Amino acid sequence: MWLALVPATFCQTHFAVEKLTKDVYAVIRKEPASLWFNPNNAFVVGKKYVIVIDSNISSEYTKEVLAALRRITNKPVKYVINTHWHEDHIIGNHVYRDAFPDVQFIGQRSTLTELPSTGAANRKGSVDNGKGFIDLLNGQIAKGLDLAGQKLTDEEKAGYESDINLVGSYMAESPNFQIILPTVIVDDKLELDQDGRKIVEIMYFGRAHTAADIAVFLPKENVVFSGDLVLWPVPLVGSTSYPLDYAATLEKFETLNAATIVPGHGPIMHDHKYVDLMVGLLRSIKNQAEASVARGETLEQLRKNIDLEEYRKAFCGDSQHKRFVFQNYVLLPATAAAFAQLNKKS
């Protein structure tokens, strides 16, 4: 017989299951924040079935999460909500389909085109470069140097070792990727009734981290699962992001005024201070990029002149590792994406 109850915190090697309220659980990753990513997940357990939020970067990690769910309940999973189409949130989908053949996958409409196109190109690039990336990190660890050629810190070493594990798991799965498109589509809002009452509101507020980010709000519990609309410790404004839209989208998200925010990556949040900081960063990127393009500057000039040091300090402090992440996952891709958006409009 499956265990009906778990402690408030149920720990695994790679994650902890946090019981938020009756029948609502957050699966919080414990890997150190670094250059590759594995998302938080969630379980909403009803009388007859379970709703799961996001799968993981490989079936190996997703099976661990499913095993944790099995310790809570033997009820079937009826819905898997993918908060966007990035690989770390969708590669393990087939684990749920294999275990529950009738499961439905929920995603924002643009996932139908982005996952098979941009997503396929991303997967090809990741697979083509995966072994080289692992070799590079192993080489830097052996030399005691980080990717910028500086003395390797303990934080960087732990991060690189985590990256090697995540990439290795992803690469092992790559010959057998099973990419599953949404079977239930979200345009602006979708409500799910569980046990005869409205329990979950799935909301699309606009383009942000991708064009397909959805948030999952539980109004009774006043809990929101943000996906990568919110992620910690450094917000990722990557090549598939929309820096001109992102701040306004986050401001709409904040109107939910949820008491608890479970981000796509990072610890559970009980206030909006971190989200407010993200809004400030994204507003600054937008305003400075617009001013730069209005002056007729090139992308190189924008990158030279943009000043995000206030936010770099706020997000990264003195961490050499986080500053590297900020440079390569915020400043460089955000300026490129903003520049492309602005020139497409002109």
C-alpha atoms as a PDB file:
ATOM      1  CA  MET A   1       0.000   0.000   0.000  1.00  0.00           C
ATOM      2  CA  TRP A   2       1.255   3.496  -0.858  1.00  0.00           C
ATOM      3  CA  LEU A   3       1.933   5.862   1.998  1.00  0.00           C
ATOM      4  CA  ALA A   4      -0.907   8.340   2.378  1.00  0.00           C
ATOM      5  CA  LEU A   5       1.125  10.932   4.211  1.00  0.00           C
ATOM      6  CA  VAL A   6       4.639  12.337   4.009  1.00  0.00           C
ATOM      7  CA  PRO A   7       6.484  14.687   6.325  1.00  0.00           C
ATOM      8  CA  ALA A   8       6.237  18.421   5.660  1.00  0.00           C
ATOM      9  CA  THR A   9       9.618  18.097   3.936  1.00  0.00           C
ATOM     10  CA  PHE A  10      10.457  14.851   2.160  1.00  0.00           C
ATOM     11  CA  CYS A  11      14.097  14.833   1.046  1.00  0.00           C
ATOM     12  CA  GLN A  12      15.729  13.147  -1.917  1.00  0.00           C
ATOM     13  CA  THR A  13      19.286  13.441  -3.181  1.00  0.00           C
ATOM     14  CA  HIS A  14      18.339  15.968  -5.844  1.00  0.00           C
ATOM     15  CA  PHE A  15      15.251  17.647  -4.407  1.00  0.00           C
ATOM     16  CA  ALA A  16      13.006  18.168  -1.408  1.00  0.00           C
ATOM     17  CA  VAL A  17       9.228  17.779  -1.452  1.00  0.00           C
ATOM     18  CA  GLU A  18       7.672  20.652   0.490  1.00  0.00           C
ATOM     19  CA  LYS A  19       4.061  20.296   1.609  1.00  0.00           C
ATOM     20  CA  LEU A  20       2.573  23.756   1.079  1.00  0.00           C
ATOM     21  CA  THR A  21      -1.036  23.111   2.083  1.00  0.00           C
ATOM     22  CA  LYS A  22      -3.297  20.085   2.245  1.00  0.00           C
ATOM     23  CA  ASP A  23      -2.713  18.118  -0.955  1.00  0.00           C
ATOM     24  CA  VAL A  24      -0.384  20.711  -2.566  1.00  0.00           C
ATOM     25  CA  TYR A  25       3.329  19.923  -2.787  1.00  0.00           C
ATOM     26  CA  ALA A  26       6.299  21.777  -4.259  1.00  0.00           C
ATOM     27  CA  VAL A  27       9.289  19.773  -5.486  1.00  0.00           C
ATOM     28  CA  ILE A  28      12.272  22.067  -4.944  1.00  0.00           C
ATOM     29  CA  ARG A  29      15.552  21.203  -6.668  1.00  0.00           C
ATOM     30  CA  LYS A  30      18.711  21.054  -4.600  1.00  0.00           C
ATOM     31  CA  GLU A  31      21.329  21.171  -7.365  1.00  0.00           C
ATOM     32  CA  PRO A  32      23.526  24.289  -7.105  1.00  0.00           C
ATOM     33  CA  ALA A  33      22.533  27.103  -9.439  1.00  0.00           C
ATOM     34  CA  SER A  34      24.869  27.048 -12.414  1.00  0.00           C
ATOM     35  CA  LEU A  35      24.943  26.903 -16.222  1.00  0.00           C
ATOM     36  CA  TRP A  36      22.511  24.012 -16.821  1.00  0.00           C
ATOM     37  CA  PHE A  37      19.148  23.746 -15.153  1.00  0.00           C
ATOM     38  CA  ASN A  38      16.561  21.381 -13.725  1.00  0.00           C
ATOM     39  CA  PRO A  39      13.187  22.864 -12.770  1.00  0.00           C
ATOM     40  CA  ASN A  40      11.065  22.776  -9.677  1.00  0.00           C
ATOM     41  CA  ASN A  41       7.902  20.694  -9.978  1.00  0.00           C
ATOM     42  CA  ALA A  42       4.585  20.513  -8.143  1.00  0.00           C
ATOM     43  CA  PHE A  43       1.798  18.077  -7.289  1.00  0.00           C
ATOM     44  CA  VAL A  44      -1.845  19.038  -6.745  1.00  0.00           C
ATOM     45  CA  VAL A  45      -3.533  15.928  -5.354  1.00  0.00           C
ATOM     46  CA  GLY A  46      -7.302  15.653  -5.683  1.00  0.00           C
ATOM     47  CA  LYS A  47      -9.776  12.965  -4.632  1.00  0.00           C
ATOM     48  CA  LYS A  48      -9.480  11.123  -7.939  1.00  0.00           C
ATOM     49  CA  TYR A  49      -6.386  12.364  -9.768  1.00  0.00           C
ATOM     50  CA  VAL A  50      -3.201  14.429  -9.627  1.00  0.00           C
ATOM     51  CA  ILE A  51      -2.055  17.517 -11.515  1.00  0.00           C
ATOM     52  CA  VAL A  52       1.721  17.731 -12.041  1.00  0.00           C
ATOM     53  CA  ILE A  53       3.556  20.911 -12.993  1.00  0.00           C
ATOM     54  CA  ASP A  54       6.497  20.411 -15.351  1.00  0.00           C
ATOM     55  CA  SER A  55       8.693  17.410 -15.987  1.00  0.00           C
ATOM     56  CA  ASN A  56      12.500  17.495 -15.949  1.00  0.00           C
ATOM     57  CA  ILE A  57      15.614  17.635 -18.067  1.00  0.00           C
ATOM     58  CA  SER A  58      15.678  13.855 -18.549  1.00  0.00           C
ATOM     59  CA  SER A  59      13.620  10.791 -17.770  1.00  0.00           C
ATOM     60  CA  GLU A  60      16.169   9.853 -15.083  1.00  0.00           C
ATOM     61  CA  TYR A  61      15.305  12.912 -13.015  1.00  0.00           C
ATOM     62  CA  THR A  62      11.599  12.754 -13.855  1.00  0.00           C
ATOM     63  CA  LYS A  63      11.383   9.153 -12.642  1.00  0.00           C
ATOM     64  CA  GLU A  64      12.793  10.280  -9.287  1.00  0.00           C
ATOM     65  CA  VAL A  65      10.063  12.911  -9.029  1.00  0.00           C
ATOM     66  CA  LEU A  66       7.382  10.397 -10.007  1.00  0.00           C
ATOM     67  CA  ALA A  67       8.702   8.006  -7.339  1.00  0.00           C
ATOM     68  CA  ALA A  68       8.280  10.788  -4.777  1.00  0.00           C
ATOM     69  CA  LEU A  69       4.701  11.314  -5.946  1.00  0.00           C
ATOM     70  CA  ARG A  70       4.067   7.581  -5.534  1.00  0.00           C
ATOM     71  CA  ARG A  71       5.088   7.908  -1.896  1.00  0.00           C
ATOM     72  CA  ILE A  72       2.305  10.459  -1.451  1.00  0.00           C
ATOM     73  CA  THR A  73      -0.502   8.839  -3.444  1.00  0.00           C
ATOM     74  CA  ASN A  74      -1.284   6.065  -5.919  1.00  0.00           C
ATOM     75  CA  LYS A  75      -3.839   8.240  -7.730  1.00  0.00           C
ATOM     76  CA  PRO A  76      -3.252   8.682 -11.461  1.00  0.00           C
ATOM     77  CA  VAL A  77      -1.814  11.812 -13.044  1.00  0.00           C
ATOM     78  CA  LYS A  78      -4.488  13.340 -15.275  1.00  0.00           C
ATOM     79  CA  TYR A  79      -2.674  16.543 -16.323  1.00  0.00           C
ATOM     80  CA  VAL A  80       0.942  17.610 -16.727  1.00  0.00           C
ATOM     81  CA  ILE A  81       1.196  21.378 -17.103  1.00  0.00           C
ATOM     82  CA  ASN A  82       4.315  22.493 -18.966  1.00  0.00           C
ATOM     83  CA  THR A  83       4.943  26.105 -17.978  1.00  0.00           C
ATOM     84  CA  HIS A  84       6.899  26.666 -21.226  1.00  0.00           C
ATOM     85  CA  TRP A  85       8.698  24.639 -23.874  1.00  0.00           C
ATOM     86  CA  HIS A  86      12.330  24.846 -22.747  1.00  0.00           C
ATOM     87  CA  GLU A  87      13.918  21.410 -22.635  1.00  0.00           C
ATOM     88  CA  ASP A  88      14.534  21.214 -18.916  1.00  0.00           C
ATOM     89  CA  HIS A  89      10.761  21.461 -18.377  1.00  0.00           C
ATOM     90  CA  ILE A  90       9.573  18.967 -21.026  1.00  0.00           C
ATOM     91  CA  ILE A  91      12.082  16.204 -21.827  1.00  0.00           C
ATOM     92  CA  GLY A  92      10.707  13.921 -19.102  1.00  0.00           C
ATOM     93  CA  ASN A  93       7.068  14.248 -20.240  1.00  0.00           C
ATOM     94  CA  HIS A  94       7.025  10.740 -21.654  1.00  0.00           C
ATOM     95  CA  VAL A  95       7.645   9.301 -18.184  1.00  0.00           C
ATOM     96  CA  TYR A  96       4.139  10.431 -17.233  1.00  0.00           C
ATOM     97  CA  ARG A  97       2.672   9.263 -20.535  1.00  0.00           C
ATOM     98  CA  ASP A  98       4.267   5.841 -20.074  1.00  0.00           C
ATOM     99  CA  ALA A  99       2.929   5.568 -16.516  1.00  0.00           C
ATOM    100  CA  PHE A 100      -0.484   7.097 -17.251  1.00  0.00           C
ATOM    101  CA  PRO A 101      -1.500   6.547 -20.909  1.00  0.00           C
ATOM    102  CA  ASP A 102      -4.529   8.874 -20.634  1.00  0.00           C
ATOM    103  CA  VAL A 103      -2.559  11.831 -19.266  1.00  0.00           C
ATOM    104  CA  GLN A 104      -3.113  15.209 -20.942  1.00  0.00           C
ATOM    105  CA  PHE A 105      -0.341  17.788 -21.457  1.00  0.00           C
ATOM    106  CA  ILE A 106      -1.230  21.456 -21.056  1.00  0.00           C
ATOM    107  CA  GLY A 107       0.774  24.252 -22.673  1.00  0.00           C
ATOM    108  CA  GLN A 108       0.439  27.715 -24.153  1.00  0.00           C
ATOM    109  CA  ARG A 109      -0.594  27.820 -27.808  1.00  0.00           C
ATOM    110  CA  SER A 110       2.727  29.047 -29.218  1.00  0.00           C
ATOM    111  CA  THR A 111       4.346  25.866 -27.872  1.00  0.00           C
ATOM    112  CA  LEU A 112       2.771  24.052 -30.827  1.00  0.00           C
ATOM    113  CA  THR A 113       5.074  25.930 -33.215  1.00  0.00           C
ATOM    114  CA  GLU A 114       8.046  26.795 -30.981  1.00  0.00           C
ATOM    115  CA  LEU A 115       8.724  23.320 -29.575  1.00  0.00           C
ATOM    116  CA  PRO A 116       9.135  21.626 -32.983  1.00  0.00           C
ATOM    117  CA  SER A 117      11.093  24.539 -34.514  1.00  0.00           C
ATOM    118  CA  THR A 118      13.205  26.669 -32.173  1.00  0.00           C
ATOM    119  CA  GLY A 119      13.118  23.851 -29.638  1.00  0.00           C
ATOM    120  CA  ALA A 120      14.458  21.369 -32.181  1.00  0.00           C
ATOM    121  CA  ALA A 121      17.299  23.718 -33.091  1.00  0.00           C
ATOM    122  CA  ASN A 122      18.129  24.175 -29.407  1.00  0.00           C
ATOM    123  CA  ARG A 123      18.152  20.424 -28.836  1.00  0.00           C
ATOM    124  CA  LYS A 124      20.438  19.862 -31.805  1.00  0.00           C
ATOM    125  CA  GLY A 125      22.853  22.511 -30.548  1.00  0.00           C
ATOM    126  CA  SER A 126      22.827  21.091 -27.035  1.00  0.00           C
ATOM    127  CA  VAL A 127      23.472  17.546 -28.268  1.00  0.00           C
ATOM    128  CA  ASP A 128      26.166  18.622 -30.735  1.00  0.00           C
ATOM    129  CA  ASN A 129      27.997  20.585 -28.057  1.00  0.00           C
ATOM    130  CA  GLY A 130      27.209  18.466 -25.007  1.00  0.00           C
ATOM    131  CA  LYS A 131      30.279  16.222 -24.924  1.00  0.00           C
ATOM    132  CA  GLY A 132      32.583  19.152 -25.640  1.00  0.00           C
ATOM    133  CA  PHE A 133      30.997  21.126 -22.819  1.00  0.00           C
ATOM    134  CA  ILE A 134      31.486  18.251 -20.366  1.00  0.00           C
ATOM    135  CA  ASP A 135      35.117  17.890 -21.454  1.00  0.00           C
ATOM    136  CA  LEU A 136      35.648  21.629 -21.076  1.00  0.00           C
ATOM    137  CA  LEU A 137      34.256  21.696 -17.547  1.00  0.00           C
ATOM    138  CA  ASN A 138      36.261  18.637 -16.508  1.00  0.00           C
ATOM    139  CA  GLY A 139      39.361  20.262 -17.935  1.00  0.00           C
ATOM    140  CA  GLN A 140      38.788  23.516 -16.075  1.00  0.00           C
ATOM    141  CA  ILE A 141      38.191  21.644 -12.810  1.00  0.00           C
ATOM    142  CA  ALA A 142      41.442  19.725 -13.306  1.00  0.00           C
ATOM    143  CA  LYS A 143      43.313  22.992 -13.911  1.00  0.00           C
ATOM    144  CA  GLY A 144      41.610  24.765 -11.011  1.00  0.00           C
ATOM    145  CA  LEU A 145      40.380  27.530 -13.324  1.00  0.00           C
ATOM    146  CA  ASP A 146      36.895  28.772 -14.147  1.00  0.00           C
ATOM    147  CA  LEU A 147      35.573  29.442 -17.646  1.00  0.00           C
ATOM    148  CA  ALA A 148      36.883  32.999 -17.496  1.00  0.00           C
ATOM    149  CA  GLY A 149      40.388  31.763 -16.650  1.00  0.00           C
ATOM    150  CA  GLN A 150      40.265  32.847 -13.007  1.00  0.00           C
ATOM    151  CA  LYS A 151      40.999  30.686  -9.971  1.00  0.00           C
ATOM    152  CA  LEU A 152      38.139  28.245  -9.530  1.00  0.00           C
ATOM    153  CA  THR A 153      35.977  28.933  -6.465  1.00  0.00           C
ATOM    154  CA  ASP A 154      34.246  26.240  -4.437  1.00  0.00           C
ATOM    155  CA  GLU A 155      30.905  27.560  -5.697  1.00  0.00           C
ATOM    156  CA  GLU A 156      32.034  27.257  -9.309  1.00  0.00           C
ATOM    157  CA  LYS A 157      33.415  23.760  -8.788  1.00  0.00           C
ATOM    158  CA  ALA A 158      30.121  22.574  -7.273  1.00  0.00           C
ATOM    159  CA  GLY A 159      28.217  24.224 -10.110  1.00  0.00           C
ATOM    160  CA  TYR A 160      30.394  22.702 -12.822  1.00  0.00           C
ATOM    161  CA  GLU A 161      30.060  19.239 -11.268  1.00  0.00           C
ATOM    162  CA  SER A 162      26.273  19.656 -11.234  1.00  0.00           C
ATOM    163  CA  ASP A 163      26.341  20.830 -14.852  1.00  0.00           C
ATOM    164  CA  ILE A 164      28.336  17.741 -15.840  1.00  0.00           C
ATOM    165  CA  ASN A 165      25.713  15.488 -14.235  1.00  0.00           C
ATOM    166  CA  LEU A 166      22.787  17.305 -15.855  1.00  0.00           C
ATOM    167  CA  VAL A 167      24.385  17.374 -19.310  1.00  0.00           C
ATOM    168  CA  GLY A 168      25.404  13.736 -18.970  1.00  0.00           C
ATOM    169  CA  SER A 169      21.842  12.687 -18.144  1.00  0.00           C
ATOM    170  CA  TYR A 170      20.481  14.774 -21.014  1.00  0.00           C
ATOM    171  CA  MET A 171      23.031  13.352 -23.468  1.00  0.00           C
ATOM    172  CA  ALA A 172      22.250   9.773 -22.397  1.00  0.00           C
ATOM    173  CA  GLU A 173      18.610  10.390 -23.283  1.00  0.00           C
ATOM    174  CA  SER A 174      19.258  12.272 -26.529  1.00  0.00           C
ATOM    175  CA  PRO A 175      19.136   9.264 -28.899  1.00  0.00           C
ATOM    176  CA  ASN A 176      15.601   8.569 -27.661  1.00  0.00           C
ATOM    177  CA  PHE A 177      14.066  12.012 -27.120  1.00  0.00           C
ATOM    178  CA  GLN A 178      10.269  11.823 -27.159  1.00  0.00           C
ATOM    179  CA  ILE A 179       8.962  15.345 -27.682  1.00  0.00           C
ATOM    180  CA  ILE A 180       5.298  15.618 -26.709  1.00  0.00           C
ATOM    181  CA  LEU A 181       3.220  18.569 -27.857  1.00  0.00           C
ATOM    182  CA  PRO A 182       0.413  19.990 -25.706  1.00  0.00           C
ATOM    183  CA  THR A 183      -2.902  18.188 -26.010  1.00  0.00           C
ATOM    184  CA  VAL A 184      -4.751  20.933 -24.102  1.00  0.00           C
ATOM    185  CA  ILE A 185      -4.091  24.510 -25.197  1.00  0.00           C
ATOM    186  CA  VAL A 186      -3.991  27.709 -23.138  1.00  0.00           C
ATOM    187  CA  ASP A 187      -4.574  31.017 -24.910  1.00  0.00           C
ATOM    188  CA  ASP A 188      -5.158  33.530 -22.118  1.00  0.00           C
ATOM    189  CA  LYS A 189      -6.661  31.504 -19.284  1.00  0.00           C
ATOM    190  CA  LEU A 190      -7.751  27.959 -18.586  1.00  0.00           C
ATOM    191  CA  GLU A 191      -9.548  26.800 -15.458  1.00  0.00           C
ATOM    192  CA  LEU A 192      -9.443  23.235 -14.210  1.00  0.00           C
ATOM    193  CA  ASP A 193     -12.094  21.846 -11.900  1.00  0.00           C
ATOM    194  CA  GLN A 194     -10.918  19.191  -9.527  1.00  0.00           C
ATOM    195  CA  ASP A 195     -13.302  17.476  -7.110  1.00  0.00           C
ATOM    196  CA  GLY A 196     -16.170  19.644  -8.403  1.00  0.00           C
ATOM    197  CA  ARG A 197     -14.603  22.997  -7.567  1.00  0.00           C
ATOM    198  CA  LYS A 198     -12.363  25.437  -9.382  1.00  0.00           C
ATOM    199  CA  ILE A 199      -8.940  24.625  -8.089  1.00  0.00           C
ATOM    200  CA  VAL A 200      -6.410  25.683 -10.697  1.00  0.00           C
ATOM    201  CA  GLU A 201      -6.216  28.759 -12.920  1.00  0.00           C
ATOM    202  CA  ILE A 202      -3.634  28.544 -15.697  1.00  0.00           C
ATOM    203  CA  MET A 203      -2.803  32.034 -16.913  1.00  0.00           C
ATOM    204  CA  TYR A 204      -0.873  33.570 -19.785  1.00  0.00           C
ATOM    205  CA  PHE A 205       0.175  37.164 -19.140  1.00  0.00           C
ATOM    206  CA  GLY A 206       2.286  37.809 -22.234  1.00  0.00           C
ATOM    207  CA  ARG A 207       5.732  37.242 -23.667  1.00  0.00           C
ATOM    208  CA  ALA A 208       8.551  37.091 -21.144  1.00  0.00           C
ATOM    209  CA  HIS A 209      11.175  34.361 -20.642  1.00  0.00           C
ATOM    210  CA  THR A 210       9.658  32.840 -23.797  1.00  0.00           C
ATOM    211  CA  ALA A 211       6.522  33.542 -25.817  1.00  0.00           C
ATOM    212  CA  ALA A 212       4.791  30.647 -24.035  1.00  0.00           C
ATOM    213  CA  ASP A 213       5.191  31.220 -20.273  1.00  0.00           C
ATOM    214  CA  ILE A 214       2.176  30.260 -18.206  1.00  0.00           C
ATOM    215  CA  ALA A 215       1.629  30.561 -14.463  1.00  0.00           C
ATOM    216  CA  VAL A 216      -0.442  28.151 -12.393  1.00  0.00           C
ATOM    217  CA  PHE A 217      -2.494  29.828  -9.661  1.00  0.00           C
ATOM    218  CA  LEU A 218      -4.321  28.067  -6.857  1.00  0.00           C
ATOM    219  CA  PRO A 219      -6.776  30.731  -5.633  1.00  0.00           C
ATOM    220  CA  LYS A 220      -7.970  28.862  -2.542  1.00  0.00           C
ATOM    221  CA  GLU A 221      -4.406  28.336  -1.292  1.00  0.00           C
ATOM    222  CA  ASN A 222      -3.163  31.687  -2.714  1.00  0.00           C
ATOM    223  CA  VAL A 223      -0.156  29.900  -4.200  1.00  0.00           C
ATOM    224  CA  VAL A 224       1.284  30.489  -7.665  1.00  0.00           C
ATOM    225  CA  PHE A 225       3.723  28.340  -9.605  1.00  0.00           C
ATOM    226  CA  SER A 226       5.459  30.820 -11.882  1.00  0.00           C
ATOM    227  CA  GLY A 227       7.516  28.615 -14.164  1.00  0.00           C
ATOM    228  CA  ASP A 228      10.457  30.612 -15.487  1.00  0.00           C
ATOM    229  CA  LEU A 229       8.597  33.895 -15.350  1.00  0.00           C
ATOM    230  CA  VAL A 230      10.437  33.980 -12.009  1.00  0.00           C
ATOM    231  CA  LEU A 231      13.713  32.151 -11.474  1.00  0.00           C
ATOM    232  CA  TRP A 232      16.488  32.431  -8.923  1.00  0.00           C
ATOM    233  CA  PRO A 233      19.265  33.400  -8.205  1.00  0.00           C
ATOM    234  CA  VAL A 234      19.859  35.137 -11.538  1.00  0.00           C
ATOM    235  CA  PRO A 235      16.947  35.774 -13.930  1.00  0.00           C
ATOM    236  CA  LEU A 236      17.615  34.239 -17.321  1.00  0.00           C
ATOM    237  CA  VAL A 237      16.883  36.661 -20.133  1.00  0.00           C
ATOM    238  CA  GLY A 238      18.083  34.374 -22.876  1.00  0.00           C
ATOM    239  CA  SER A 239      17.964  34.214 -26.642  1.00  0.00           C
ATOM    240  CA  THR A 240      14.306  33.131 -26.667  1.00  0.00           C
ATOM    241  CA  SER A 241      13.213  35.903 -24.279  1.00  0.00           C
ATOM    242  CA  TYR A 242      11.380  39.151 -25.010  1.00  0.00           C
ATOM    243  CA  PRO A 243      13.086  41.905 -22.972  1.00  0.00           C
ATOM    244  CA  LEU A 244      10.771  44.642 -24.270  1.00  0.00           C
ATOM    245  CA  ASP A 245       7.732  42.772 -22.915  1.00  0.00           C
ATOM    246  CA  TYR A 246       9.067  40.898 -19.906  1.00  0.00           C
ATOM    247  CA  ALA A 247       8.705  43.605 -17.224  1.00  0.00           C
ATOM    248  CA  ALA A 248       5.105  44.407 -18.182  1.00  0.00           C
ATOM    249  CA  THR A 249       4.274  40.693 -18.196  1.00  0.00           C
ATOM    250  CA  LEU A 250       5.733  40.289 -14.701  1.00  0.00           C
ATOM    251  CA  GLU A 251       3.735  43.277 -13.470  1.00  0.00           C
ATOM    252  CA  LYS A 252       0.537  41.574 -14.678  1.00  0.00           C
ATOM    253  CA  PHE A 253       1.674  38.387 -12.935  1.00  0.00           C
ATOM    254  CA  GLU A 254       2.127  40.341  -9.701  1.00  0.00           C
ATOM    255  CA  THR A 255      -1.531  41.423  -9.747  1.00  0.00           C
ATOM    256  CA  LEU A 256      -2.341  37.899  -8.539  1.00  0.00           C
ATOM    257  CA  ASN A 257      -0.807  39.057  -5.239  1.00  0.00           C
ATOM    258  CA  ALA A 258      -0.085  35.459  -4.303  1.00  0.00           C
ATOM    259  CA  ALA A 259       1.138  34.873  -0.770  1.00  0.00           C
ATOM    260  CA  THR A 260       3.454  32.089  -1.944  1.00  0.00           C
ATOM    261  CA  ILE A 261       5.461  32.011  -5.173  1.00  0.00           C
ATOM    262  CA  VAL A 262       7.132  28.797  -6.298  1.00  0.00           C
ATOM    263  CA  PRO A 263       9.608  29.864  -8.989  1.00  0.00           C
ATOM    264  CA  GLY A 264      10.724  27.783 -11.941  1.00  0.00           C
ATOM    265  CA  HIS A 265      14.115  27.492 -10.263  1.00  0.00           C
ATOM    266  CA  GLY A 266      15.062  28.401  -6.715  1.00  0.00           C
ATOM    267  CA  PRO A 267      13.508  28.475  -3.246  1.00  0.00           C
ATOM    268  CA  ILE A 268       9.901  29.167  -2.346  1.00  0.00           C
ATOM    269  CA  MET A 269       9.200  32.889  -1.947  1.00  0.00           C
ATOM    270  CA  HIS A 270       6.761  34.448   0.525  1.00  0.00           C
ATOM    271  CA  ASP A 271       6.918  38.040  -0.695  1.00  0.00           C
ATOM    272  CA  HIS A 272       7.421  39.910  -3.972  1.00  0.00           C
ATOM    273  CA  LYS A 273      10.795  41.513  -3.288  1.00  0.00           C
ATOM    274  CA  TYR A 274      12.679  39.304  -5.720  1.00  0.00           C
ATOM    275  CA  VAL A 275      10.031  39.719  -8.431  1.00  0.00           C
ATOM    276  CA  ASP A 276      10.163  43.503  -7.950  1.00  0.00           C
ATOM    277  CA  LEU A 277      13.935  43.357  -8.419  1.00  0.00           C
ATOM    278  CA  MET A 278      13.448  41.412 -11.640  1.00  0.00           C
ATOM    279  CA  VAL A 279      10.977  44.036 -12.875  1.00  0.00           C
ATOM    280  CA  GLY A 280      13.523  46.782 -12.162  1.00  0.00           C
ATOM    281  CA  LEU A 281      16.238  44.955 -14.093  1.00  0.00           C
ATOM    282  CA  LEU A 282      13.977  44.297 -17.064  1.00  0.00           C
ATOM    283  CA  ARG A 283      12.686  47.875 -17.136  1.00  0.00           C
ATOM    284  CA  SER A 284      16.287  49.088 -17.151  1.00  0.00           C
ATOM    285  CA  ILE A 285      17.220  46.781 -20.033  1.00  0.00           C
ATOM    286  CA  LYS A 286      14.184  47.919 -22.039  1.00  0.00           C
ATOM    287  CA  ASN A 287      14.696  51.639 -21.423  1.00  0.00           C
ATOM    288  CA  GLN A 288      18.422  51.601 -22.130  1.00  0.00           C
ATOM    289  CA  ALA A 289      18.003  49.468 -25.261  1.00  0.00           C
ATOM    290  CA  GLU A 290      15.288  51.749 -26.626  1.00  0.00           C
ATOM    291  CA  ALA A 291      17.436  54.821 -26.016  1.00  0.00           C
ATOM    292  CA  SER A 292      20.442  53.162 -27.661  1.00  0.00           C
ATOM    293  CA  VAL A 293      18.546  52.180 -30.798  1.00  0.00           C
ATOM    294  CA  ALA A 294      16.978  55.643 -30.978  1.00  0.00           C
ATOM    295  CA  ARG A 295      20.534  57.039 -31.097  1.00  0.00           C
ATOM    296  CA  GLY A 296      21.308  54.723 -34.002  1.00  0.00           C
ATOM    297  CA  GLU A 297      23.788  52.609 -32.066  1.00  0.00           C
ATOM    298  CA  THR A 298      24.882  49.113 -33.062  1.00  0.00           C
ATOM    299  CA  LEU A 299      24.464  46.053 -30.853  1.00  0.00           C
ATOM    300  CA  GLU A 300      28.125  46.314 -29.917  1.00  0.00           C
ATOM    301  CA  GLN A 301      27.641  49.935 -28.850  1.00  0.00           C
ATOM    302  CA  LEU A 302      24.541  49.004 -26.847  1.00  0.00           C
ATOM    303  CA  ARG A 303      26.502  46.337 -24.999  1.00  0.00           C
ATOM    304  CA  LYS A 304      29.349  48.724 -24.327  1.00  0.00           C
ATOM    305  CA  ASN A 305      27.128  51.514 -23.016  1.00  0.00           C
ATOM    306  CA  ILE A 306      24.417  49.661 -21.093  1.00  0.00           C
ATOM    307  CA  ASP A 307      24.798  49.962 -17.321  1.00  0.00           C
ATOM    308  CA  LEU A 308      23.326  47.119 -15.272  1.00  0.00           C
ATOM    309  CA  GLU A 309      25.873  47.168 -12.476  1.00  0.00           C
ATOM    310  CA  GLU A 310      23.281  48.072  -9.840  1.00  0.00           C
ATOM    311  CA  TYR A 311      21.355  44.935 -10.688  1.00  0.00           C
ATOM    312  CA  ARG A 312      24.434  42.773 -11.149  1.00  0.00           C
ATOM    313  CA  LYS A 313      25.381  43.602  -7.552  1.00  0.00           C
ATOM    314  CA  ALA A 314      21.841  42.985  -6.312  1.00  0.00           C
ATOM    315  CA  PHE A 315      21.559  39.558  -7.920  1.00  0.00           C
ATOM    316  CA  CYS A 316      25.151  38.381  -7.749  1.00  0.00           C
ATOM    317  CA  GLY A 317      26.835  40.140  -4.833  1.00  0.00           C
ATOM    318  CA  ASP A 318      30.506  39.161  -4.796  1.00  0.00           C
ATOM    319  CA  SER A 319      29.919  35.738  -6.329  1.00  0.00           C
ATOM    320  CA  GLN A 320      32.324  35.173  -9.207  1.00  0.00           C
ATOM    321  CA  HIS A 321      30.112  32.366 -10.498  1.00  0.00           C
ATOM    322  CA  LYS A 322      26.849  34.321 -10.429  1.00  0.00           C
ATOM    323  CA  ARG A 323      28.526  37.284 -12.145  1.00  0.00           C
ATOM    324  CA  PHE A 324      29.588  34.965 -14.974  1.00  0.00           C
ATOM    325  CA  VAL A 325      26.019  33.673 -15.236  1.00  0.00           C
ATOM    326  CA  PHE A 326      24.692  37.250 -15.258  1.00  0.00           C
ATOM    327  CA  GLN A 327      27.056  38.222 -18.074  1.00  0.00           C
ATOM    328  CA  ASN A 328      26.206  35.218 -20.244  1.00  0.00           C
ATOM    329  CA  TYR A 329      22.542  34.620 -19.428  1.00  0.00           C
ATOM    330  CA  VAL A 330      21.365  38.187 -18.869  1.00  0.00           C
ATOM    331  CA  LEU A 331      23.507  40.964 -20.301  1.00  0.00           C
ATOM    332  CA  LEU A 332      24.655  39.399 -23.576  1.00  0.00           C
ATOM    333  CA  PRO A 333      21.436  37.622 -24.650  1.00  0.00           C
ATOM    334  CA  ALA A 334      19.124  40.336 -23.307  1.00  0.00           C
ATOM    335  CA  THR A 335      20.842  43.046 -25.315  1.00  0.00           C
ATOM    336  CA  ALA A 336      20.805  40.857 -28.437  1.00  0.00           C
ATOM    337  CA  ALA A 337      17.110  40.004 -28.015  1.00  0.00           C
ATOM    338  CA  ALA A 338      16.109  43.596 -27.245  1.00  0.00           C
ATOM    339  CA  PHE A 339      18.124  44.908 -30.192  1.00  0.00           C
ATOM    340  CA  ALA A 340      16.471  42.367 -32.513  1.00  0.00           C
ATOM    341  CA  GLN A 341      12.991  43.228 -31.210  1.00  0.00           C
ATOM    342  CA  LEU A 342      13.554  46.949 -31.681  1.00  0.00           C
ATOM    343  CA  ASN A 343      14.982  46.631 -35.172  1.00  0.00           C
ATOM    344  CA  LYS A 344      12.165  44.318 -36.201  1.00  0.00           C
ATOM    345  CA  LYS A 345       9.704  47.029 -35.148  1.00  0.00           C
ATOM    346  CA  SER A 346      11.522  49.802 -37.011  1.00  0.00           C
END
